[in-house]
């Protein structure tokens, strides 16, 4: 009886497997590294990123918590 259950479980498992084709995203991502001869990083306005600027103080407090 147990072997029938195991066979049924195996058949169900194998029948549920199928290959999924992942589509590459259209977004262009780049990584930013500051120049080697400077300590200054490029800055970006939070509004241009679509961030909720009224929540920035909360974010700063959260990032400083231990």
PDB file of N, CA and C in Angstrom:
ATOM      1  N   UNK A   1       0.823  -1.196   0.000  1.00  0.00           N
ATOM      2  CA  UNK A   1       0.000   0.000   0.000  1.00  0.00           C
ATOM      3  C   UNK A   1       0.869   1.263   0.000  1.00  0.00           C
ATOM      4  N   UNK A   2       1.937   1.215   0.808  1.00  0.00           N
ATOM      5  CA  UNK A   2       2.811   2.384   0.868  1.00  0.00           C
ATOM      6  C   UNK A   2       3.506   2.636  -0.460  1.00  0.00           C
ATOM      7  N   UNK A   3       3.874   1.582  -1.127  1.00  0.00           N
ATOM      8  CA  UNK A   3       4.572   1.755  -2.403  1.00  0.00           C
ATOM      9  C   UNK A   3       3.667   2.435  -3.428  1.00  0.00           C
ATOM     10  N   UNK A   4       2.372   2.163  -3.386  1.00  0.00           N
ATOM     11  CA  UNK A   4       1.439   2.821  -4.302  1.00  0.00           C
ATOM     12  C   UNK A   4       1.372   4.315  -4.014  1.00  0.00           C
ATOM     13  N   UNK A   5       1.410   4.672  -2.745  1.00  0.00           N
ATOM     14  CA  UNK A   5       1.377   6.090  -2.373  1.00  0.00           C
ATOM     15  C   UNK A   5       2.649   6.782  -2.853  1.00  0.00           C
ATOM     16  N   UNK A   6       3.789   6.132  -2.667  1.00  0.00           N
ATOM     17  CA  UNK A   6       5.055   6.714  -3.114  1.00  0.00           C
ATOM     18  C   UNK A   6       5.093   6.854  -4.632  1.00  0.00           C
ATOM     19  N   UNK A   7       4.587   5.868  -5.328  1.00  0.00           N
ATOM     20  CA  UNK A   7       4.549   5.939  -6.788  1.00  0.00           C
ATOM     21  C   UNK A   7       3.620   7.058  -7.232  1.00  0.00           C
ATOM     22  N   UNK A   8       2.485   7.183  -6.593  1.00  0.00           N
ATOM     23  CA  UNK A   8       1.551   8.259  -6.918  1.00  0.00           C
ATOM     24  C   UNK A   8       2.190   9.621  -6.658  1.00  0.00           C
ATOM     25  N   UNK A   9       2.868   9.759  -5.539  1.00  0.00           N
ATOM     26  CA  UNK A   9       3.540  11.021  -5.228  1.00  0.00           C
ATOM     27  C   UNK A   9       4.631  11.325  -6.247  1.00  0.00           C
ATOM     28  N   UNK A  10       5.375  10.321  -6.654  1.00  0.00           N
ATOM     29  CA  UNK A  10       6.424  10.507  -7.650  1.00  0.00           C
ATOM     30  C   UNK A  10       5.832  10.937  -8.990  1.00  0.00           C
ATOM     31  N   UNK A  11       4.764  10.299  -9.402  1.00  0.00           N
ATOM     32  CA  UNK A  11       4.113  10.650 -10.667  1.00  0.00           C
ATOM     33  C   UNK A  11       3.585  12.082 -10.611  1.00  0.00           C
ATOM     34  N   UNK A  12       2.961  12.451  -9.509  1.00  0.00           N
ATOM     35  CA  UNK A  12       2.459  13.819  -9.366  1.00  0.00           C
ATOM     36  C   UNK A  12       3.597  14.830  -9.382  1.00  0.00           C
ATOM     37  N   UNK A  13       4.673  14.508  -8.711  1.00  0.00           N
ATOM     38  CA  UNK A  13       5.823  15.405  -8.682  1.00  0.00           C
ATOM     39  C   UNK A  13       6.412  15.592 -10.072  1.00  0.00           C
ATOM     40  N   UNK A  14       6.628  14.500 -10.770  1.00  0.00           N
ATOM     41  CA  UNK A  14       7.235  14.581 -12.095  1.00  0.00           C
ATOM     42  C   UNK A  14       6.314  15.234 -13.119  1.00  0.00           C
ATOM     43  N   UNK A  15       5.025  15.056 -12.968  1.00  0.00           N
ATOM     44  CA  UNK A  15       4.099  15.663 -13.926  1.00  0.00           C
ATOM     45  C   UNK A  15       3.943  17.162 -13.692  1.00  0.00           C
ATOM     46  N   UNK A  16       4.276  17.629 -12.511  1.00  0.00           N
ATOM     47  CA  UNK A  16       4.136  19.057 -12.228  1.00  0.00           C
ATOM     48  C   UNK A  16       5.369  19.847 -12.645  1.00  0.00           C
ATOM     49  N   UNK A  17       6.443  19.188 -12.992  1.00  0.00           N
ATOM     50  CA  UNK A  17       7.677  19.865 -13.395  1.00  0.00           C
ATOM     51  C   UNK A  17       7.584  20.273 -14.860  1.00  0.00           C
ATOM     52  N   UNK A  18       7.938  21.510 -15.123  1.00  0.00           N
ATOM     53  CA  UNK A  18       8.029  21.967 -16.498  1.00  0.00           C
ATOM     54  C   UNK A  18       9.043  23.104 -16.557  1.00  0.00           C
ATOM     55  N   UNK A  19       9.608  23.285 -17.715  1.00  0.00           N
ATOM     56  CA  UNK A  19      10.643  24.289 -17.893  1.00  0.00           C
ATOM     57  C   UNK A  19       9.997  25.653 -18.093  1.00  0.00           C
ATOM     58  N   UNK A  20      10.519  26.639 -17.389  1.00  0.00           N
ATOM     59  CA  UNK A  20      10.019  28.001 -17.505  1.00  0.00           C
ATOM     60  C   UNK A  20      11.089  28.834 -18.195  1.00  0.00           C
ATOM     61  N   UNK A  21      10.705  29.469 -19.279  1.00  0.00           N
ATOM     62  CA  UNK A  21      11.626  30.337 -20.000  1.00  0.00           C
ATOM     63  C   UNK A  21      11.554  31.734 -19.399  1.00  0.00           C
ATOM     64  N   UNK A  22      12.670  32.215 -18.882  1.00  0.00           N
ATOM     65  CA  UNK A  22      12.719  33.554 -18.313  1.00  0.00           C
ATOM     66  C   UNK A  22      13.012  34.564 -19.409  1.00  0.00           C
ATOM     67  N   UNK A  23      12.237  35.626 -19.419  1.00  0.00           N
ATOM     68  CA  UNK A  23      12.438  36.687 -20.384  1.00  0.00           C
ATOM     69  C   UNK A  23      13.386  37.724 -19.790  1.00  0.00           C
ATOM     70  N   UNK A  24      14.387  38.155 -20.539  1.00  0.00           N
ATOM     71  CA  UNK A  24      15.284  39.186 -20.015  1.00  0.00           C
ATOM     72  C   UNK A  24      14.527  40.495 -19.839  1.00  0.00           C
ATOM     73  N   UNK A  25      14.874  41.215 -18.802  1.00  0.00           N
ATOM     74  CA  UNK A  25      14.186  42.479 -18.551  1.00  0.00           C
ATOM     75  C   UNK A  25      14.703  43.541 -19.513  1.00  0.00           C
ATOM     76  N   UNK A  26      13.845  44.506 -19.790  1.00  0.00           N
ATOM     77  CA  UNK A  26      14.199  45.574 -20.715  1.00  0.00           C
ATOM     78  C   UNK A  26      14.916  46.724 -20.023  1.00  0.00           C
ATOM     79  N   UNK A  27      14.947  46.705 -18.698  1.00  0.00           N
ATOM     80  CA  UNK A  27      15.569  47.814 -17.981  1.00  0.00           C
ATOM     81  C   UNK A  27      17.081  47.729 -18.081  1.00  0.00           C
ATOM     82  N   UNK A  28      17.681  48.856 -18.241  1.00  0.00           N
ATOM     83  CA  UNK A  28      19.131  48.946 -18.331  1.00  0.00           C
ATOM     84  C   UNK A  28      19.671  49.293 -16.952  1.00  0.00           C
ATOM     85  N   UNK A  29      20.400  48.400 -16.337  1.00  0.00           N
ATOM     86  CA  UNK A  29      20.973  48.656 -15.027  1.00  0.00           C
ATOM     87  C   UNK A  29      22.467  48.885 -15.161  1.00  0.00           C
ATOM     88  N   UNK A  30      22.924  49.871 -14.434  1.00  0.00           N
ATOM     89  CA  UNK A  30      24.348  50.154 -14.417  1.00  0.00           C
ATOM     90  C   UNK A  30      24.794  50.263 -12.975  1.00  0.00           C
ATOM     91  N   UNK A  31      26.022  49.933 -12.752  1.00  0.00           N
ATOM     92  CA  UNK A  31      26.603  50.029 -11.419  1.00  0.00           C
ATOM     93  C   UNK A  31      27.519  51.243 -11.406  1.00  0.00           C
ATOM     94  N   UNK A  32      27.410  52.036 -10.359  1.00  0.00           N
ATOM     95  CA  UNK A  32      28.216  53.244 -10.257  1.00  0.00           C
ATOM     96  C   UNK A  32      29.365  53.027  -9.291  1.00  0.00           C
ATOM     97  N   UNK A  33      30.553  53.369  -9.715  1.00  0.00           N
ATOM     98  CA  UNK A  33      31.728  53.372  -8.859  1.00  0.00           C
ATOM     99  C   UNK A  33      32.314  54.777  -8.888  1.00  0.00           C
ATOM    100  N   UNK A  34      32.659  55.332  -7.724  1.00  0.00           N
ATOM    101  CA  UNK A  34      33.252  56.670  -7.723  1.00  0.00           C
ATOM    102  C   UNK A  34      34.652  56.621  -8.338  1.00  0.00           C
ATOM    103  N   UNK A  35      35.128  57.764  -8.788  1.00  0.00           N
ATOM    104  CA  UNK A  35      36.482  57.794  -9.353  1.00  0.00           C
ATOM    105  C   UNK A  35      37.525  57.396  -8.307  1.00  0.00           C
ATOM    106  N   UNK A  36      38.607  56.790  -8.742  1.00  0.00           N
ATOM    107  CA  UNK A  36      39.663  56.359  -7.827  1.00  0.00           C
ATOM    108  C   UNK A  36      40.405  57.524  -7.191  1.00  0.00           C
ATOM    109  N   UNK A  37      40.485  58.642  -7.886  1.00  0.00           N
ATOM    110  CA  UNK A  37      41.263  59.768  -7.388  1.00  0.00           C
ATOM    111  C   UNK A  37      40.428  60.786  -6.610  1.00  0.00           C
ATOM    112  N   UNK A  38      39.206  60.407  -6.209  1.00  0.00           N
ATOM    113  CA  UNK A  38      38.329  61.335  -5.504  1.00  0.00           C
ATOM    114  C   UNK A  38      37.480  60.581  -4.489  1.00  0.00           C
ATOM    115  N   UNK A  39      37.084  61.301  -3.438  1.00  0.00           N
ATOM    116  CA  UNK A  39      36.181  60.733  -2.439  1.00  0.00           C
ATOM    117  C   UNK A  39      34.741  61.190  -2.650  1.00  0.00           C
ATOM    118  N   UNK A  40      34.495  61.928  -3.719  1.00  0.00           N
ATOM    119  CA  UNK A  40      33.158  62.456  -3.954  1.00  0.00           C
ATOM    120  C   UNK A  40      32.353  61.494  -4.820  1.00  0.00           C
ATOM    121  N   UNK A  41      31.143  61.214  -4.352  1.00  0.00           N
ATOM    122  CA  UNK A  41      30.221  60.355  -5.075  1.00  0.00           C
ATOM    123  C   UNK A  41      29.236  61.223  -5.854  1.00  0.00           C
ATOM    124  N   UNK A  42      28.759  60.686  -6.929  1.00  0.00           N
ATOM    125  CA  UNK A  42      27.723  61.358  -7.710  1.00  0.00           C
ATOM    126  C   UNK A  42      26.451  61.411  -6.874  1.00  0.00           C
ATOM    127  N   UNK A  43      25.757  62.532  -6.899  1.00  0.00           N
ATOM    128  CA  UNK A  43      24.511  62.663  -6.146  1.00  0.00           C
ATOM    129  C   UNK A  43      23.335  62.773  -7.108  1.00  0.00           C
ATOM    130  N   UNK A  44      22.188  62.311  -6.632  1.00  0.00           N
ATOM    131  CA  UNK A  44      20.966  62.330  -7.430  1.00  0.00           C
ATOM    132  C   UNK A  44      19.853  62.884  -6.555  1.00  0.00           C
ATOM    133  N   UNK A  45      19.008  63.696  -7.130  1.00  0.00           N
ATOM    134  CA  UNK A  45      17.869  64.254  -6.422  1.00  0.00           C
ATOM    135  C   UNK A  45      16.854  63.139  -6.150  1.00  0.00           C
ATOM    136  N   UNK A  46      16.396  62.973  -4.893  1.00  0.00           N
ATOM    137  CA  UNK A  46      15.428  61.909  -4.581  1.00  0.00           C
ATOM    138  C   UNK A  46      14.127  62.018  -5.376  1.00  0.00           C
ATOM    139  N   UNK A  47      13.741  63.241  -5.734  1.00  0.00           N
ATOM    140  CA  UNK A  47      12.520  63.411  -6.535  1.00  0.00           C
ATOM    141  C   UNK A  47      12.658  62.746  -7.905  1.00  0.00           C
ATOM    142  N   UNK A  48      13.863  62.798  -8.478  1.00  0.00           N
ATOM    143  CA  UNK A  48      14.059  62.199  -9.801  1.00  0.00           C
ATOM    144  C   UNK A  48      13.996  60.677  -9.745  1.00  0.00           C
ATOM    145  N   UNK A  49      14.167  60.102  -8.541  1.00  0.00           N
ATOM    146  CA  UNK A  49      14.077  58.655  -8.376  1.00  0.00           C
ATOM    147  C   UNK A  49      12.654  58.189  -8.077  1.00  0.00           C
ATOM    148  N   UNK A  50      11.764  59.152  -7.860  1.00  0.00           N
ATOM    149  CA  UNK A  50      10.385  58.797  -7.541  1.00  0.00           C
ATOM    150  C   UNK A  50      10.189  58.423  -6.084  1.00  0.00           C
ATOM    151  N   UNK A  51      11.122  58.825  -5.227  1.00  0.00           N
ATOM    152  CA  UNK A  51      11.018  58.517  -3.805  1.00  0.00           C
ATOM    153  C   UNK A  51      10.026  59.445  -3.132  1.00  0.00           C
ATOM    154  N   UNK A  52       9.469  58.996  -2.027  1.00  0.00           N
ATOM    155  CA  UNK A  52       8.584  59.825  -1.206  1.00  0.00           C
ATOM    156  C   UNK A  52       9.474  60.698  -0.330  1.00  0.00           C
ATOM    157  N   UNK A  53       9.678  61.937  -0.753  1.00  0.00           N
ATOM    158  CA  UNK A  53      10.631  62.804  -0.058  1.00  0.00           C
ATOM    159  C   UNK A  53      10.174  63.163   1.348  1.00  0.00           C
ATOM    160  N   UNK A  54       8.872  63.072   1.624  1.00  0.00           N
ATOM    161  CA  UNK A  54       8.401  63.360   2.979  1.00  0.00           C
ATOM    162  C   UNK A  54       8.743  62.234   3.946  1.00  0.00           C
ATOM    163  N   UNK A  55       9.226  61.102   3.442  1.00  0.00           N
ATOM    164  CA  UNK A  55       9.601  59.967   4.286  1.00  0.00           C
ATOM    165  C   UNK A  55      11.119  59.830   4.456  1.00  0.00           C
ATOM    166  N   UNK A  56      11.898  60.772   3.925  1.00  0.00           N
ATOM    167  CA  UNK A  56      13.355  60.652   3.988  1.00  0.00           C
ATOM    168  C   UNK A  56      13.894  60.706   5.413  1.00  0.00           C
ATOM    169  N   UNK A  57      13.308  61.555   6.267  1.00  0.00           N
ATOM    170  CA  UNK A  57      13.772  61.614   7.658  1.00  0.00           C
ATOM    171  C   UNK A  57      13.558  60.278   8.362  1.00  0.00           C
ATOM    172  N   UNK A  58      12.429  59.641   8.113  1.00  0.00           N
ATOM    173  CA  UNK A  58      12.156  58.326   8.697  1.00  0.00           C
ATOM    174  C   UNK A  58      13.170  57.303   8.195  1.00  0.00           C
ATOM    175  N   UNK A  59      13.513  57.370   6.929  1.00  0.00           N
ATOM    176  CA  UNK A  59      14.505  56.460   6.359  1.00  0.00           C
ATOM    177  C   UNK A  59      15.875  56.668   6.995  1.00  0.00           C
ATOM    178  N   UNK A  60      16.259  57.916   7.193  1.00  0.00           N
ATOM    179  CA  UNK A  60      17.557  58.205   7.810  1.00  0.00           C
ATOM    180  C   UNK A  60      17.607  57.680   9.239  1.00  0.00           C
ATOM    181  N   UNK A  61      16.521  57.866   9.990  1.00  0.00           N
ATOM    182  CA  UNK A  61      16.476  57.362  11.366  1.00  0.00           C
ATOM    183  C   UNK A  61      16.540  55.840  11.380  1.00  0.00           C
ATOM    184  N   UNK A  62      15.843  55.206  10.461  1.00  0.00           N
ATOM    185  CA  UNK A  62      15.837  53.745  10.389  1.00  0.00           C
ATOM    186  C   UNK A  62      17.224  53.203  10.043  1.00  0.00           C
ATOM    187  N   UNK A  63      17.925  53.873   9.140  1.00  0.00           N
ATOM    188  CA  UNK A  63      19.236  53.378   8.710  1.00  0.00           C
ATOM    189  C   UNK A  63      20.296  53.538   9.790  1.00  0.00           C
ATOM    190  N   UNK A  64      20.069  54.394  10.764  1.00  0.00           N
ATOM    191  CA  UNK A  64      21.042  54.608  11.843  1.00  0.00           C
ATOM    192  C   UNK A  64      20.785  53.728  13.050  1.00  0.00           C
ATOM    193  N   UNK A  65      19.686  52.993  13.072  1.00  0.00           N
ATOM    194  CA  UNK A  65      19.377  52.136  14.219  1.00  0.00           C
ATOM    195  C   UNK A  65      20.311  50.943  14.252  1.00  0.00           C
ATOM    196  N   UNK A  66      20.608  50.498  15.463  1.00  0.00           N
ATOM    197  CA  UNK A  66      21.448  49.299  15.635  1.00  0.00           C
ATOM    198  C   UNK A  66      20.605  48.069  15.718  1.00  0.00           C
TER     199      UNK A  66
END
